[in-house]
């Protein structure tokens, strides 16, 4: 199962991607395997010497006992120390953000694909949409479907 954050590539110019593990409860794992998660509006932050995923929604598992379950709890990301220091150096003072791109399973593990991205401005988004529409019109004209 793969859960994709479509807003990430629309709102950010992703310069580099990498993979991280995520620390989850058992019922959260079952919920993610069923596709019950949302990464829209979430981001990763390095606090101290650890990385955390903030605002990612993992909806409750249907058959779990969930007294006091927090849908948007902060979850720890599992990265090597060198990766964390590298990311901290890249994000401090450069205007870059760590954004989750997708959440997926590999064998029995759940991984998060993170991207180091620079926020796009509104006019950049509009230009991209115009270019895509223009390319679509050109392709249609070349095929003869005017």
N, C-alpha and C. Protein backbone atom coordinates (compact mmCIF):
# COMPACT_ATOMS: atom_id res chain seq x y z
N UNK A 1 0.85 -1.18 0.00
CA UNK A 1 0.00 0.00 0.00
C UNK A 1 0.89 1.23 0.00
N UNK A 2 0.55 2.19 -0.83
CA UNK A 2 1.31 3.43 -0.91
C UNK A 2 0.37 4.61 -0.78
N UNK A 3 0.66 5.48 0.16
CA UNK A 3 -0.13 6.69 0.38
C UNK A 3 0.72 7.86 -0.06
N UNK A 4 0.23 8.64 -1.03
CA UNK A 4 1.01 9.71 -1.64
C UNK A 4 0.47 11.07 -1.21
N UNK A 5 1.39 11.97 -0.93
CA UNK A 5 1.06 13.35 -0.59
C UNK A 5 1.18 14.17 -1.88
N UNK A 6 0.08 14.36 -2.59
CA UNK A 6 0.12 15.06 -3.87
C UNK A 6 0.46 16.54 -3.73
N UNK A 7 0.08 17.13 -2.61
CA UNK A 7 0.35 18.55 -2.39
C UNK A 7 1.84 18.83 -2.24
N UNK A 8 2.61 17.84 -1.87
CA UNK A 8 4.04 18.06 -1.63
C UNK A 8 4.74 18.51 -2.91
N UNK A 9 4.53 17.81 -4.00
CA UNK A 9 5.20 18.19 -5.26
C UNK A 9 4.57 19.42 -5.89
N UNK A 10 3.34 19.74 -5.54
CA UNK A 10 2.69 20.95 -6.06
C UNK A 10 3.16 22.19 -5.30
N UNK A 11 3.30 22.08 -3.99
CA UNK A 11 3.65 23.23 -3.17
C UNK A 11 5.16 23.42 -3.00
N UNK A 12 5.95 22.39 -3.26
CA UNK A 12 7.39 22.46 -3.03
C UNK A 12 8.16 22.02 -4.27
N UNK A 13 9.32 22.63 -4.46
CA UNK A 13 10.26 22.22 -5.49
C UNK A 13 11.23 21.25 -4.82
N UNK A 14 10.99 19.95 -4.98
CA UNK A 14 11.76 18.92 -4.28
C UNK A 14 13.14 18.80 -4.92
N UNK A 15 14.18 18.98 -4.09
CA UNK A 15 15.55 18.94 -4.59
C UNK A 15 16.24 17.62 -4.30
N UNK A 16 15.85 16.98 -3.21
CA UNK A 16 16.50 15.73 -2.82
C UNK A 16 15.48 14.87 -2.07
N UNK A 17 15.52 13.56 -2.30
CA UNK A 17 14.62 12.65 -1.58
C UNK A 17 15.42 11.60 -0.82
N UNK A 18 14.84 11.11 0.25
CA UNK A 18 15.47 10.05 1.02
C UNK A 18 14.39 9.28 1.77
N UNK A 19 14.78 8.13 2.30
CA UNK A 19 13.85 7.20 2.95
C UNK A 19 14.12 7.15 4.45
N UNK A 20 13.04 7.07 5.23
CA UNK A 20 13.18 6.96 6.68
C UNK A 20 12.16 5.98 7.22
N UNK A 21 12.51 5.34 8.31
CA UNK A 21 11.56 4.50 9.01
C UNK A 21 10.71 5.40 9.91
N UNK A 22 9.65 4.84 10.46
CA UNK A 22 8.76 5.63 11.32
C UNK A 22 8.37 4.77 12.51
N UNK A 23 8.31 5.40 13.68
CA UNK A 23 7.97 4.73 14.91
C UNK A 23 6.46 4.79 15.10
N UNK A 24 5.79 3.61 15.05
CA UNK A 24 4.33 3.54 15.11
C UNK A 24 3.86 2.55 16.16
N UNK A 25 2.61 2.72 16.58
CA UNK A 25 1.95 1.73 17.41
C UNK A 25 1.43 0.62 16.51
N UNK A 26 1.09 -0.53 17.10
CA UNK A 26 0.63 -1.68 16.32
C UNK A 26 -0.65 -1.41 15.55
N UNK A 27 -1.62 -0.73 16.17
CA UNK A 27 -2.88 -0.47 15.47
C UNK A 27 -2.71 0.58 14.39
N UNK A 28 -1.68 1.44 14.51
CA UNK A 28 -1.38 2.41 13.45
C UNK A 28 -0.82 1.71 12.22
N UNK A 29 -0.02 0.69 12.44
CA UNK A 29 0.54 -0.09 11.34
C UNK A 29 -0.58 -0.75 10.55
N UNK A 30 -1.53 -1.35 11.26
CA UNK A 30 -2.66 -2.00 10.58
C UNK A 30 -3.49 -0.99 9.81
N UNK A 31 -3.68 0.17 10.37
CA UNK A 31 -4.45 1.22 9.72
C UNK A 31 -3.75 1.72 8.44
N UNK A 32 -2.45 1.90 8.51
CA UNK A 32 -1.69 2.36 7.33
C UNK A 32 -1.70 1.30 6.24
N UNK A 33 -1.59 0.03 6.62
CA UNK A 33 -1.63 -1.04 5.62
C UNK A 33 -2.97 -1.08 4.89
N UNK A 34 -4.03 -0.63 5.55
CA UNK A 34 -5.34 -0.54 4.90
C UNK A 34 -5.50 0.75 4.11
N UNK A 35 -4.52 1.66 4.20
CA UNK A 35 -4.57 2.91 3.45
C UNK A 35 -5.28 4.04 4.17
N UNK A 36 -5.41 3.94 5.48
CA UNK A 36 -6.12 4.94 6.26
C UNK A 36 -5.16 5.94 6.89
N UNK A 37 -4.51 6.74 6.05
CA UNK A 37 -3.59 7.78 6.52
C UNK A 37 -3.62 8.94 5.54
N UNK A 38 -3.21 10.11 6.03
CA UNK A 38 -3.21 11.32 5.20
C UNK A 38 -1.97 12.14 5.55
N UNK A 39 -1.18 12.49 4.54
CA UNK A 39 0.04 13.26 4.75
C UNK A 39 -0.12 14.73 4.39
N UNK A 40 -1.30 15.14 3.95
CA UNK A 40 -1.52 16.52 3.54
C UNK A 40 -1.31 17.45 4.73
N UNK A 41 -0.49 18.46 4.54
CA UNK A 41 -0.23 19.44 5.59
C UNK A 41 0.80 19.00 6.62
N UNK A 42 1.41 17.86 6.43
CA UNK A 42 2.40 17.39 7.39
C UNK A 42 3.81 17.78 6.94
N UNK A 43 4.72 17.77 7.89
CA UNK A 43 6.10 18.11 7.62
C UNK A 43 6.98 17.42 8.65
N UNK A 44 8.28 17.41 8.39
CA UNK A 44 9.23 16.82 9.33
C UNK A 44 10.10 17.93 9.89
N UNK A 45 10.48 17.76 11.14
CA UNK A 45 11.32 18.76 11.79
C UNK A 45 12.36 18.03 12.62
N UNK A 46 13.55 18.63 12.70
CA UNK A 46 14.62 18.06 13.51
C UNK A 46 14.67 18.84 14.82
N UNK A 47 14.42 18.14 15.91
CA UNK A 47 14.42 18.75 17.23
C UNK A 47 15.52 18.08 18.03
N UNK A 48 16.50 18.86 18.41
CA UNK A 48 17.66 18.30 19.11
C UNK A 48 18.45 17.44 18.15
N UNK A 49 18.57 16.16 18.46
CA UNK A 49 19.30 15.25 17.58
C UNK A 49 18.38 14.16 17.04
N UNK A 50 17.06 14.45 17.00
CA UNK A 50 16.10 13.48 16.49
C UNK A 50 15.16 14.13 15.49
N UNK A 51 14.65 13.34 14.56
CA UNK A 51 13.73 13.84 13.53
C UNK A 51 12.32 13.36 13.87
N UNK A 52 11.33 14.24 13.64
CA UNK A 52 9.94 13.93 13.95
C UNK A 52 9.05 14.27 12.77
N UNK A 53 8.00 13.48 12.60
CA UNK A 53 6.97 13.74 11.60
C UNK A 53 5.79 14.39 12.33
N UNK A 54 5.42 15.57 11.89
CA UNK A 54 4.41 16.38 12.58
C UNK A 54 3.18 16.53 11.69
N UNK A 55 2.00 16.43 12.28
CA UNK A 55 0.70 16.63 11.63
C UNK A 55 0.30 15.56 10.63
N UNK A 56 0.94 14.43 10.62
CA UNK A 56 0.51 13.33 9.75
C UNK A 56 -0.67 12.64 10.41
N UNK A 57 -1.74 12.44 9.66
CA UNK A 57 -2.94 11.82 10.21
C UNK A 57 -2.93 10.33 9.92
N UNK A 58 -3.02 9.53 10.98
CA UNK A 58 -3.21 8.10 10.85
C UNK A 58 -4.55 7.82 11.53
N UNK A 59 -5.53 7.48 10.72
CA UNK A 59 -6.88 7.29 11.23
C UNK A 59 -6.96 6.02 12.06
N UNK A 60 -7.85 6.00 13.06
CA UNK A 60 -7.90 4.85 13.97
C UNK A 60 -8.26 3.55 13.26
N UNK A 61 -7.64 2.48 13.73
CA UNK A 61 -7.95 1.15 13.23
C UNK A 61 -9.31 0.74 13.79
N UNK A 62 -10.09 0.13 12.94
CA UNK A 62 -11.49 -0.18 13.26
C UNK A 62 -11.66 -1.04 14.51
N UNK A 63 -10.78 -2.01 14.70
CA UNK A 63 -10.97 -2.97 15.78
C UNK A 63 -10.07 -2.72 16.99
N UNK A 64 -9.42 -1.57 17.04
CA UNK A 64 -8.52 -1.29 18.16
C UNK A 64 -9.25 -0.54 19.27
N UNK A 65 -8.74 -0.67 20.45
CA UNK A 65 -9.28 0.05 21.60
C UNK A 65 -8.54 1.37 21.68
N UNK A 66 -9.24 2.46 21.52
CA UNK A 66 -8.56 3.74 21.30
C UNK A 66 -8.97 4.83 22.28
N UNK A 67 -8.90 4.58 23.55
CA UNK A 67 -9.17 5.64 24.51
C UNK A 67 -8.02 6.64 24.47
N UNK A 68 -8.33 7.88 24.19
CA UNK A 68 -7.30 8.93 24.19
C UNK A 68 -6.35 8.87 23.00
N UNK A 69 -6.76 8.28 21.89
CA UNK A 69 -5.90 8.21 20.71
C UNK A 69 -5.83 9.56 20.02
N UNK A 70 -4.62 10.03 19.74
CA UNK A 70 -4.42 11.30 19.06
C UNK A 70 -4.15 11.04 17.58
N UNK A 71 -5.03 11.54 16.74
CA UNK A 71 -4.96 11.33 15.30
C UNK A 71 -3.69 11.93 14.69
N UNK A 72 -3.28 13.11 15.19
CA UNK A 72 -2.14 13.84 14.62
C UNK A 72 -0.92 13.84 15.53
N UNK A 73 -0.71 12.78 16.27
CA UNK A 73 0.41 12.80 17.20
C UNK A 73 1.75 12.90 16.46
N UNK A 74 2.74 13.45 17.13
CA UNK A 74 4.08 13.58 16.56
C UNK A 74 4.76 12.22 16.62
N UNK A 75 5.26 11.77 15.47
CA UNK A 75 5.88 10.45 15.39
C UNK A 75 7.37 10.58 15.07
N UNK A 76 8.16 9.77 15.72
CA UNK A 76 9.61 9.82 15.54
C UNK A 76 10.01 9.15 14.24
N UNK A 77 10.93 9.79 13.51
CA UNK A 77 11.47 9.21 12.28
C UNK A 77 12.79 8.53 12.60
N UNK A 78 13.01 7.40 11.97
CA UNK A 78 14.21 6.60 12.24
C UNK A 78 15.23 6.84 11.14
N UNK A 79 16.21 7.65 11.45
CA UNK A 79 17.28 8.01 10.52
C UNK A 79 18.63 7.81 11.20
N UNK A 80 19.67 7.67 10.40
CA UNK A 80 21.02 7.60 10.93
C UNK A 80 21.46 8.98 11.41
N UNK A 81 22.36 9.01 12.35
CA UNK A 81 22.83 10.26 12.94
C UNK A 81 23.44 11.18 11.87
N UNK A 82 24.18 10.59 10.93
CA UNK A 82 24.79 11.39 9.86
C UNK A 82 23.72 12.03 8.98
N UNK A 83 22.65 11.29 8.71
CA UNK A 83 21.56 11.85 7.91
C UNK A 83 20.89 13.02 8.63
N UNK A 84 20.70 12.88 9.93
CA UNK A 84 20.06 13.94 10.70
C UNK A 84 20.91 15.19 10.73
N UNK A 85 22.22 15.05 10.95
CA UNK A 85 23.08 16.23 10.97
C UNK A 85 23.16 16.87 9.60
N UNK A 86 23.17 16.06 8.55
CA UNK A 86 23.17 16.60 7.19
C UNK A 86 21.90 17.38 6.91
N UNK A 87 20.77 16.82 7.29
CA UNK A 87 19.49 17.51 7.07
C UNK A 87 19.39 18.79 7.88
N UNK A 88 19.87 18.75 9.11
CA UNK A 88 19.83 19.95 9.95
C UNK A 88 20.67 21.05 9.33
N UNK A 89 21.84 20.70 8.80
CA UNK A 89 22.70 21.70 8.17
C UNK A 89 22.05 22.28 6.91
N UNK A 90 21.34 21.44 6.16
CA UNK A 90 20.71 21.91 4.93
C UNK A 90 19.48 22.78 5.19
N UNK A 91 18.75 22.48 6.25
CA UNK A 91 17.51 23.23 6.51
C UNK A 91 17.74 24.52 7.28
N UNK A 92 18.76 24.58 8.11
CA UNK A 92 19.00 25.78 8.92
C UNK A 92 19.45 26.94 8.04
N UNK A 93 18.65 27.98 8.00
CA UNK A 93 19.03 29.22 7.31
C UNK A 93 18.96 29.20 5.81
N UNK A 94 18.53 28.10 5.20
CA UNK A 94 18.51 28.05 3.74
C UNK A 94 17.10 28.11 3.17
N UNK A 95 16.09 28.10 4.02
CA UNK A 95 14.71 28.18 3.54
C UNK A 95 14.17 26.87 3.01
N UNK A 96 14.84 25.76 3.28
CA UNK A 96 14.37 24.46 2.83
C UNK A 96 13.52 23.79 3.91
N UNK A 97 12.58 22.96 3.48
CA UNK A 97 11.68 22.26 4.38
C UNK A 97 11.73 20.77 4.10
N UNK A 98 11.56 19.97 5.13
CA UNK A 98 11.51 18.52 4.96
C UNK A 98 10.03 18.13 4.89
N UNK A 99 9.63 17.59 3.73
CA UNK A 99 8.23 17.30 3.46
C UNK A 99 8.06 15.80 3.19
N UNK A 100 7.07 15.15 3.81
CA UNK A 100 6.81 13.75 3.48
C UNK A 100 6.12 13.64 2.12
N UNK A 101 6.66 12.83 1.24
CA UNK A 101 6.12 12.66 -0.10
C UNK A 101 5.18 11.46 -0.16
N UNK A 102 5.59 10.36 0.47
CA UNK A 102 4.73 9.18 0.47
C UNK A 102 5.02 8.30 1.68
N UNK A 103 4.06 7.44 1.95
CA UNK A 103 4.13 6.48 3.04
C UNK A 103 3.87 5.12 2.41
N UNK A 104 4.78 4.16 2.56
CA UNK A 104 4.62 2.89 1.87
C UNK A 104 5.19 1.75 2.69
N UNK A 105 4.86 0.52 2.29
CA UNK A 105 5.36 -0.66 2.97
C UNK A 105 6.45 -1.32 2.12
N UNK A 106 7.47 -1.80 2.79
CA UNK A 106 8.50 -2.63 2.16
C UNK A 106 8.62 -3.87 3.03
N UNK A 107 8.26 -5.00 2.45
CA UNK A 107 8.16 -6.25 3.19
C UNK A 107 7.27 -6.05 4.41
N UNK A 108 7.81 -6.12 5.62
CA UNK A 108 6.98 -5.95 6.81
C UNK A 108 7.16 -4.58 7.46
N UNK A 109 7.93 -3.70 6.82
CA UNK A 109 8.23 -2.40 7.40
C UNK A 109 7.42 -1.29 6.72
N UNK A 110 7.20 -0.21 7.46
CA UNK A 110 6.55 0.96 6.89
C UNK A 110 7.58 2.08 6.81
N UNK A 111 7.72 2.66 5.65
CA UNK A 111 8.72 3.69 5.40
C UNK A 111 8.05 4.98 4.95
N UNK A 112 8.76 6.09 5.14
CA UNK A 112 8.31 7.40 4.69
C UNK A 112 9.34 7.92 3.70
N UNK A 113 8.88 8.36 2.54
CA UNK A 113 9.77 9.02 1.58
C UNK A 113 9.70 10.51 1.88
N UNK A 114 10.84 11.07 2.25
CA UNK A 114 10.91 12.48 2.59
C UNK A 114 11.62 13.24 1.49
N UNK A 115 11.23 14.47 1.30
CA UNK A 115 11.86 15.32 0.30
C UNK A 115 12.33 16.60 0.93
N UNK A 116 13.48 17.05 0.49
CA UNK A 116 14.01 18.34 0.93
C UNK A 116 13.62 19.34 -0.14
N UNK A 117 12.71 20.23 0.20
CA UNK A 117 12.17 21.10 -0.84
C UNK A 117 12.10 22.55 -0.45
N UNK A 118 12.06 23.38 -1.48
CA UNK A 118 11.93 24.82 -1.33
C UNK A 118 10.50 25.19 -1.70
N UNK A 119 9.80 25.96 -0.88
CA UNK A 119 8.40 26.30 -1.20
C UNK A 119 8.30 27.08 -2.51
N UNK A 120 7.30 26.71 -3.32
CA UNK A 120 7.06 27.42 -4.58
C UNK A 120 6.21 28.65 -4.29
N UNK A 121 6.41 29.67 -5.10
CA UNK A 121 5.59 30.87 -4.98
C UNK A 121 4.34 30.68 -5.84
N UNK A 122 3.34 31.50 -5.60
CA UNK A 122 2.06 31.35 -6.29
C UNK A 122 2.22 31.47 -7.80
N UNK A 123 3.03 32.43 -8.26
CA UNK A 123 3.18 32.61 -9.70
C UNK A 123 3.88 31.43 -10.36
N UNK A 124 4.77 30.74 -9.63
CA UNK A 124 5.43 29.55 -10.17
C UNK A 124 4.42 28.43 -10.40
N UNK A 125 3.45 28.31 -9.48
CA UNK A 125 2.43 27.28 -9.62
C UNK A 125 1.55 27.58 -10.83
N UNK A 126 1.18 28.85 -11.00
CA UNK A 126 0.34 29.24 -12.14
C UNK A 126 1.05 28.99 -13.47
N UNK A 127 2.35 29.31 -13.52
CA UNK A 127 3.12 29.08 -14.74
C UNK A 127 3.17 27.59 -15.09
N UNK A 128 3.31 26.76 -14.10
CA UNK A 128 3.37 25.31 -14.33
C UNK A 128 2.04 24.81 -14.89
N UNK A 129 0.93 25.31 -14.35
CA UNK A 129 -0.40 24.91 -14.84
C UNK A 129 -0.59 25.38 -16.28
N UNK A 130 -0.19 26.61 -16.59
CA UNK A 130 -0.31 27.13 -17.95
C UNK A 130 0.50 26.30 -18.93
N UNK A 131 1.73 25.96 -18.54
CA UNK A 131 2.60 25.17 -19.42
C UNK A 131 2.01 23.79 -19.66
N UNK A 132 1.46 23.17 -18.64
CA UNK A 132 0.84 21.85 -18.77
C UNK A 132 -0.37 21.91 -19.71
N UNK A 133 -1.21 22.94 -19.56
CA UNK A 133 -2.37 23.09 -20.43
C UNK A 133 -1.95 23.33 -21.88
N UNK A 134 -0.91 24.14 -22.06
CA UNK A 134 -0.41 24.43 -23.41
C UNK A 134 0.13 23.15 -24.06
N UNK A 135 0.89 22.37 -23.31
CA UNK A 135 1.42 21.11 -23.84
C UNK A 135 0.31 20.14 -24.21
N UNK A 136 -0.74 20.11 -23.41
CA UNK A 136 -1.89 19.24 -23.68
C UNK A 136 -2.57 19.67 -24.98
N UNK A 137 -2.74 20.97 -25.18
CA UNK A 137 -3.36 21.47 -26.41
C UNK A 137 -2.51 21.17 -27.63
N UNK A 138 -1.20 21.30 -27.50
CA UNK A 138 -0.30 21.00 -28.61
C UNK A 138 -0.36 19.52 -28.97
N UNK A 139 -0.36 18.66 -27.97
CA UNK A 139 -0.46 17.22 -28.21
C UNK A 139 -1.77 16.86 -28.91
N UNK A 140 -2.86 17.49 -28.50
CA UNK A 140 -4.16 17.23 -29.12
C UNK A 140 -4.15 17.69 -30.58
N UNK A 141 -3.53 18.84 -30.84
CA UNK A 141 -3.48 19.35 -32.22
C UNK A 141 -2.62 18.46 -33.10
N UNK A 142 -1.55 17.93 -32.56
CA UNK A 142 -0.66 17.04 -33.33
C UNK A 142 -1.36 15.71 -33.67
N UNK A 143 -2.22 15.25 -32.77
CA UNK A 143 -2.95 14.02 -33.01
C UNK A 143 -4.14 14.25 -33.94
N UNK A 144 -4.49 15.51 -34.17
CA UNK A 144 -5.59 15.82 -35.05
C UNK A 144 -6.93 15.92 -34.35
N UNK A 145 -6.90 16.09 -33.05
CA UNK A 145 -8.15 16.22 -32.28
C UNK A 145 -8.35 17.68 -31.87
N UNK A 146 -8.45 18.55 -32.81
CA UNK A 146 -8.57 19.97 -32.55
C UNK A 146 -9.85 20.35 -31.90
